[in-house]
Amino acid sequence: MDTKQKEQWQQGSKLLKKGQFHEAAALLDRLNNQVDDFRVNLALTFAEYQDQQYLRARQIAEERAADYLKTLKDAELLINVEIADQQFMTARRQIAMVRQWQEQLLPLVEAGEQKAETTMMTSVKTRWREFYHLGDKSFREQQQRLLAASRLPLPYYLKGALFLLRDPFTNPLIRSSILETLQPLKIERQAKVYWLDEQEHELNLAQLQPIDSLPVVQQLRQMVETRYRDKDPVSYQTISRELNLQFIYLYPFLSLAIDEPKSWLSALTSSGNMVQRDEGVEKALRWQRRINRLVTRISH
């Protein structure tokens, strides 16, 4: 901070101590736009929270969520801000990243959810019904309803999710997003998932792993990096983006489609035109064409 910015910081801090949260937020907001300082972000979040500007407080805090999760005190502020904005599922995912403080933080979310069920039951049920029936809508509308569902208490979200995971009309990207949302929560619950092979597959939600941790994902990324990163950076970026999209479509059953990573990469990078069309490549091409059809369907 330069001299003027330090003066703003001191003035903002004084306003906070006096309980003049609206005035403090206005001043600290200007300062936050000028400097990259977690102390300013933290103070601004607190000011907006105390001024009952919950959406704004959450947006500011989530810009530096990782910093908030370094101490219990700051994590409590982040969770309280998210609860105030009814982002219950987001708050639960944050807590999953700091399991050492679950005993202190989870009761905050549970109390917030119970309050929402008591004081806003009509809104909760409306949001739940819209989530439950999102398969009837366009992809864009499904995305919007999924985003709104993050405001649902966990029991409502889970009930809707278990139905949507089996609904053939739920877009595969939406099913994947639901699973990625539930993954860190480690919920001991069996679920059935309608997958790209048009079959149902059963899994335990507690055993879901992040996409980035899956061996087949790590192996393919390493292969692409070794082959392209230094020699052809443009192709490296293009292939990496396409691979990441394929991983999302195939999650969580990637190994059912990608049993030979080398064949998968050969099919992806040559479209099968300049590579020996063995059984592994043919299988990879069939899966990739299926994914491409789904991608095309969204864009039209």
Protein backbone atom coordinates (compact mmCIF):
# COMPACT_ATOMS: atom_id res chain seq x y z
CA MET A 1 0.00 0.00 0.00
CA ASP A 2 1.14 3.54 -0.67
CA THR A 3 0.65 6.34 1.84
CA LYS A 4 -2.85 7.25 0.62
CA GLN A 5 -3.97 3.63 0.64
CA LYS A 6 -2.65 3.15 4.17
CA GLU A 7 -4.72 6.14 5.25
CA GLN A 8 -7.80 4.59 3.63
CA TRP A 9 -7.09 1.32 5.44
CA GLN A 10 -6.78 3.06 8.80
CA GLN A 11 -9.97 5.06 8.18
CA GLY A 12 -11.86 1.92 7.14
CA SER A 13 -10.65 0.09 10.24
CA LYS A 14 -11.87 2.94 12.45
CA LEU A 15 -15.29 2.88 10.81
CA LEU A 16 -15.53 -0.85 11.46
CA LYS A 17 -14.70 -0.39 15.14
CA LYS A 18 -17.42 2.27 15.38
CA GLY A 19 -19.96 -0.09 13.82
CA GLN A 20 -20.39 2.13 10.77
CA PHE A 21 -20.46 -0.84 8.44
CA HIS A 22 -22.10 0.78 5.42
CA GLU A 23 -19.56 3.60 5.36
CA ALA A 24 -16.69 1.19 5.99
CA ALA A 25 -17.80 -1.06 3.13
CA ALA A 26 -17.91 1.85 0.68
CA LEU A 27 -14.39 2.92 1.59
CA LEU A 28 -12.90 -0.57 1.76
CA ASP A 29 -14.50 -1.51 -1.56
CA ARG A 30 -12.52 1.23 -3.29
CA LEU A 31 -9.36 0.12 -1.54
CA ASN A 32 -9.98 -3.56 -2.38
CA ASN A 33 -10.09 -2.63 -6.07
CA GLN A 34 -6.67 -0.98 -5.77
CA VAL A 35 -4.65 -3.49 -3.74
CA ASP A 36 -4.22 -7.25 -3.55
CA ASP A 37 -4.35 -7.65 0.21
CA PHE A 38 -6.29 -10.35 2.04
CA ARG A 39 -6.69 -8.11 5.10
CA VAL A 40 -8.69 -5.66 2.99
CA ASN A 41 -10.80 -8.43 1.47
CA LEU A 42 -11.48 -9.85 4.93
CA ALA A 43 -12.46 -6.47 6.37
CA LEU A 44 -14.68 -5.65 3.38
CA THR A 45 -16.43 -9.00 3.62
CA PHE A 46 -17.09 -8.44 7.32
CA ALA A 47 -18.41 -4.93 6.65
CA GLU A 48 -20.78 -6.11 3.90
CA TYR A 49 -21.92 -9.02 6.06
CA GLN A 50 -22.69 -6.75 9.01
CA ASP A 51 -24.46 -4.37 6.60
CA GLN A 52 -26.64 -7.36 5.55
CA GLN A 53 -25.34 -7.21 1.98
CA TYR A 54 -25.00 -10.98 1.92
CA LEU A 55 -24.65 -11.57 -1.82
CA ARG A 56 -21.96 -8.92 -2.10
CA ALA A 57 -20.17 -10.26 0.99
CA ARG A 58 -20.14 -13.76 -0.43
CA GLN A 59 -18.86 -12.65 -3.83
CA ILE A 60 -15.98 -10.77 -2.22
CA ALA A 61 -15.07 -13.61 0.15
CA GLU A 62 -15.15 -16.30 -2.51
CA GLU A 63 -12.59 -14.38 -4.55
CA ARG A 64 -10.09 -15.54 -1.93
CA ALA A 65 -11.82 -18.55 -0.39
CA ALA A 66 -8.55 -20.47 -0.02
CA ASP A 67 -7.18 -17.73 2.24
CA TYR A 68 -10.25 -17.89 4.48
CA LEU A 69 -9.77 -21.61 4.98
CA LYS A 70 -6.33 -21.16 6.53
CA THR A 71 -7.67 -20.32 10.00
CA LEU A 72 -10.80 -21.40 11.85
CA LYS A 73 -11.84 -17.81 12.60
CA ASP A 74 -11.71 -16.74 8.95
CA ALA A 75 -13.34 -19.99 7.84
CA GLU A 76 -16.24 -19.28 10.21
CA LEU A 77 -16.75 -15.89 8.56
CA LEU A 78 -16.74 -17.43 5.09
CA ILE A 79 -19.23 -20.12 6.10
CA ASN A 80 -21.50 -17.64 7.88
CA VAL A 81 -21.48 -15.39 4.82
CA GLU A 82 -22.41 -18.28 2.55
CA ILE A 83 -25.15 -19.41 4.90
CA ALA A 84 -26.53 -15.87 5.05
CA ASP A 85 -26.78 -15.96 1.25
CA GLN A 86 -28.37 -19.45 1.51
CA GLN A 87 -25.48 -21.12 -0.32
CA PHE A 88 -25.75 -24.25 1.80
CA MET A 89 -24.20 -26.70 -0.65
CA THR A 90 -21.30 -24.34 -1.34
CA ALA A 91 -20.70 -23.96 2.39
CA ARG A 92 -20.69 -27.74 2.85
CA ARG A 93 -18.13 -28.11 0.07
CA GLN A 94 -15.90 -25.50 1.72
CA ILE A 95 -16.09 -27.37 5.01
CA ALA A 96 -15.12 -30.60 3.27
CA MET A 97 -11.78 -28.94 2.47
CA VAL A 98 -11.02 -28.35 6.16
CA ARG A 99 -12.18 -31.56 7.80
CA GLN A 100 -10.20 -30.72 10.95
CA TRP A 101 -12.81 -28.06 11.73
CA GLN A 102 -15.95 -29.95 10.75
CA GLU A 103 -17.19 -30.19 14.34
CA GLN A 104 -17.14 -26.40 14.63
CA LEU A 105 -18.39 -25.52 11.15
CA LEU A 106 -20.99 -28.11 10.17
CA PRO A 107 -23.42 -27.13 12.96
CA LEU A 108 -23.46 -23.61 11.47
CA VAL A 109 -24.72 -24.96 8.14
CA GLU A 110 -27.19 -27.33 9.75
CA ALA A 111 -28.66 -24.50 11.82
CA GLY A 112 -28.89 -22.33 8.70
CA GLU A 113 -30.65 -25.09 6.80
CA GLN A 114 -33.13 -25.67 9.61
CA LYS A 115 -33.88 -21.95 9.76
CA ALA A 116 -34.50 -21.88 6.00
CA GLU A 117 -36.87 -24.85 6.28
CA THR A 118 -38.73 -23.11 9.11
CA THR A 119 -38.93 -19.57 7.77
CA MET A 120 -38.81 -20.05 3.99
CA MET A 121 -40.41 -23.44 3.40
CA THR A 122 -42.41 -22.23 0.38
CA SER A 123 -39.23 -20.97 -1.33
CA VAL A 124 -37.33 -24.14 -0.47
CA LYS A 125 -40.06 -26.39 -1.88
CA THR A 126 -40.38 -24.29 -5.05
CA ARG A 127 -36.63 -24.40 -5.61
CA TRP A 128 -36.61 -28.14 -4.94
CA ARG A 129 -39.43 -28.82 -7.42
CA GLU A 130 -37.64 -26.81 -10.10
CA PHE A 131 -34.45 -28.77 -9.43
CA TYR A 132 -36.26 -32.12 -9.41
CA HIS A 133 -37.88 -31.47 -12.79
CA LEU A 134 -34.97 -29.83 -14.59
CA GLY A 135 -34.72 -32.75 -17.05
CA ASP A 136 -37.78 -31.34 -18.82
CA LYS A 137 -35.91 -28.16 -19.76
CA SER A 138 -33.26 -26.95 -22.21
CA PHE A 139 -29.59 -27.29 -21.31
CA ARG A 140 -29.35 -23.59 -20.44
CA GLU A 141 -32.38 -23.86 -18.14
CA GLN A 142 -30.94 -27.01 -16.57
CA GLN A 143 -27.74 -25.08 -15.81
CA GLN A 144 -29.71 -22.25 -14.20
CA ARG A 145 -31.77 -24.62 -12.06
CA LEU A 146 -28.66 -26.51 -10.99
CA LEU A 147 -27.07 -23.24 -9.91
CA ALA A 148 -30.18 -22.30 -7.94
CA ALA A 149 -30.14 -25.73 -6.26
CA SER A 150 -26.95 -24.81 -4.38
CA ARG A 151 -29.32 -22.85 -2.11
CA LEU A 152 -31.14 -26.02 -1.08
CA PRO A 153 -30.59 -27.70 2.30
CA LEU A 154 -28.66 -30.94 1.82
CA PRO A 155 -31.64 -33.34 2.32
CA TYR A 156 -33.57 -31.58 -0.45
CA TYR A 157 -30.56 -31.37 -2.76
CA LEU A 158 -29.75 -35.03 -2.25
CA LYS A 159 -33.33 -36.17 -2.89
CA GLY A 160 -33.43 -34.23 -6.14
CA ALA A 161 -29.94 -35.36 -7.12
CA LEU A 162 -30.69 -39.07 -6.67
CA PHE A 163 -33.63 -38.73 -9.04
CA LEU A 164 -31.80 -36.63 -11.64
CA LEU A 165 -28.83 -39.01 -11.74
CA ARG A 166 -31.24 -41.68 -13.04
CA ASP A 167 -33.24 -39.41 -15.34
CA PRO A 168 -32.33 -40.04 -19.01
CA PHE A 169 -33.40 -36.49 -19.83
CA THR A 170 -30.88 -34.90 -17.49
CA ASN A 171 -28.00 -33.65 -19.60
CA PRO A 172 -24.83 -35.70 -18.98
CA LEU A 173 -22.93 -32.54 -18.04
CA ILE A 174 -25.54 -31.76 -15.40
CA ARG A 175 -25.31 -35.30 -13.98
CA SER A 176 -21.52 -34.95 -13.88
CA SER A 177 -21.81 -31.57 -12.13
CA ILE A 178 -24.17 -33.05 -9.52
CA LEU A 179 -21.71 -35.85 -8.82
CA GLU A 180 -18.80 -33.41 -8.58
CA THR A 181 -20.82 -31.32 -6.10
CA LEU A 182 -21.53 -34.35 -3.92
CA GLN A 183 -18.07 -35.91 -4.23
CA PRO A 184 -16.23 -34.03 -1.43
CA LEU A 185 -19.12 -34.50 1.01
CA LYS A 186 -18.44 -38.26 1.32
CA ILE A 187 -22.09 -39.19 1.82
CA GLU A 188 -22.60 -42.90 2.60
CA ARG A 189 -25.40 -43.50 0.16
CA GLN A 190 -25.92 -45.82 -2.81
CA ALA A 191 -26.93 -44.08 -6.02
CA LYS A 192 -27.81 -45.22 -9.52
CA VAL A 193 -26.48 -43.22 -12.45
CA TYR A 194 -27.83 -43.28 -16.01
CA TRP A 195 -24.62 -43.07 -18.03
CA LEU A 196 -23.53 -42.52 -21.63
CA ASP A 197 -23.97 -46.20 -22.50
CA GLU A 198 -27.70 -45.73 -21.75
CA GLN A 199 -27.42 -48.10 -18.81
CA GLU A 200 -27.74 -47.56 -15.06
CA HIS A 201 -24.63 -48.06 -12.95
CA GLU A 202 -24.62 -48.19 -9.15
CA LEU A 203 -22.08 -46.50 -6.92
CA ASN A 204 -21.55 -45.33 -3.36
CA LEU A 205 -21.40 -41.54 -3.23
CA ALA A 206 -18.80 -41.71 -0.46
CA GLN A 207 -16.40 -43.49 -2.82
CA LEU A 208 -16.50 -40.84 -5.53
CA GLN A 209 -13.08 -39.42 -6.35
CA PRO A 210 -12.20 -36.04 -7.88
CA ILE A 211 -11.65 -36.19 -11.64
CA ASP A 212 -8.08 -34.92 -11.26
CA SER A 213 -7.18 -37.81 -8.95
CA LEU A 214 -8.28 -40.60 -11.32
CA PRO A 215 -5.29 -42.59 -12.65
CA VAL A 216 -6.57 -42.62 -16.26
CA VAL A 217 -6.90 -38.82 -16.18
CA GLN A 218 -3.41 -38.36 -14.78
CA GLN A 219 -1.96 -40.78 -17.31
CA LEU A 220 -3.57 -39.11 -20.32
CA ARG A 221 -2.59 -35.63 -19.17
CA GLN A 222 0.99 -36.75 -18.71
CA MET A 223 1.03 -38.29 -22.18
CA VAL A 224 -0.28 -35.08 -23.75
CA GLU A 225 2.18 -32.95 -21.81
CA THR A 226 5.14 -35.12 -22.80
CA ARG A 227 4.15 -35.22 -26.44
CA TYR A 228 2.97 -31.66 -27.07
CA ARG A 229 3.68 -29.09 -24.34
CA ASP A 230 7.14 -28.01 -25.52
CA LYS A 231 7.00 -29.10 -29.16
CA ASP A 232 3.54 -27.78 -30.07
CA PRO A 233 2.01 -25.50 -27.38
CA VAL A 234 -1.08 -24.68 -29.47
CA SER A 235 -1.97 -28.33 -29.95
CA TYR A 236 -1.22 -28.93 -26.29
CA GLN A 237 -3.83 -26.36 -25.25
CA THR A 238 -6.41 -27.57 -27.77
CA ILE A 239 -6.04 -31.26 -26.95
CA SER A 240 -6.02 -30.57 -23.21
CA ARG A 241 -9.30 -28.64 -23.43
CA GLU A 242 -10.96 -31.40 -25.45
CA LEU A 243 -9.70 -34.09 -23.11
CA ASN A 244 -11.01 -32.21 -20.06
CA LEU A 245 -14.45 -31.96 -21.66
CA GLN A 246 -14.41 -35.69 -22.41
CA PHE A 247 -13.45 -36.43 -18.80
CA ILE A 248 -16.47 -34.46 -17.57
CA TYR A 249 -18.84 -36.30 -19.90
CA LEU A 250 -17.45 -39.70 -18.86
CA TYR A 251 -17.29 -39.01 -15.12
CA PRO A 252 -17.41 -41.01 -12.90
CA PHE A 253 -17.03 -44.14 -15.04
CA LEU A 254 -14.08 -43.09 -17.20
CA SER A 255 -12.44 -46.50 -17.05
CA LEU A 256 -15.45 -48.10 -18.76
CA ALA A 257 -14.68 -46.05 -21.87
CA ILE A 258 -10.94 -45.48 -21.58
CA ASP A 259 -9.30 -48.81 -20.96
CA GLU A 260 -6.34 -48.04 -23.26
CA PRO A 261 -5.17 -44.43 -22.78
CA LYS A 262 -2.73 -44.70 -25.70
CA SER A 263 -5.54 -45.72 -28.08
CA TRP A 264 -7.77 -42.96 -26.71
CA LEU A 265 -5.13 -40.32 -27.41
CA SER A 266 -4.42 -41.74 -30.86
CA ALA A 267 -8.09 -41.55 -31.76
CA LEU A 268 -8.38 -38.02 -30.39
CA THR A 269 -5.32 -36.53 -32.05
CA SER A 270 -5.66 -38.08 -35.49
CA SER A 271 -9.41 -38.62 -35.81
CA GLY A 272 -8.41 -42.16 -36.72
CA ASN A 273 -7.21 -41.13 -40.16
CA MET A 274 -3.46 -41.45 -39.71
CA VAL A 275 -3.23 -44.26 -37.21
CA GLN A 276 -3.66 -47.99 -37.36
CA ARG A 277 -7.34 -48.67 -36.81
CA ASP A 278 -6.97 -51.47 -34.28
CA GLU A 279 -9.71 -52.55 -31.90
CA GLY A 280 -8.61 -50.15 -29.16
CA VAL A 281 -8.66 -47.12 -31.46
CA GLU A 282 -12.02 -48.15 -32.95
CA LYS A 283 -13.53 -48.38 -29.49
CA ALA A 284 -12.11 -44.98 -28.53
CA LEU A 285 -13.46 -43.44 -31.74
CA ARG A 286 -16.94 -44.77 -31.02
CA TRP A 287 -16.96 -43.19 -27.57
CA GLN A 288 -15.53 -39.91 -28.84
CA ARG A 289 -18.14 -39.69 -31.60
CA ARG A 290 -20.85 -40.25 -29.00
CA ILE A 291 -19.46 -37.42 -26.89
CA ASN A 292 -19.16 -35.16 -29.95
CA ARG A 293 -22.82 -35.77 -30.79
CA LEU A 294 -23.79 -34.72 -27.26
CA VAL A 295 -21.65 -31.59 -27.51
CA THR A 296 -23.22 -30.71 -30.86
CA ARG A 297 -26.71 -31.20 -29.44
CA ILE A 298 -26.04 -28.60 -26.74
CA SER A 299 -24.77 -26.01 -29.23
CA HIS A 300 -27.89 -26.20 -31.40
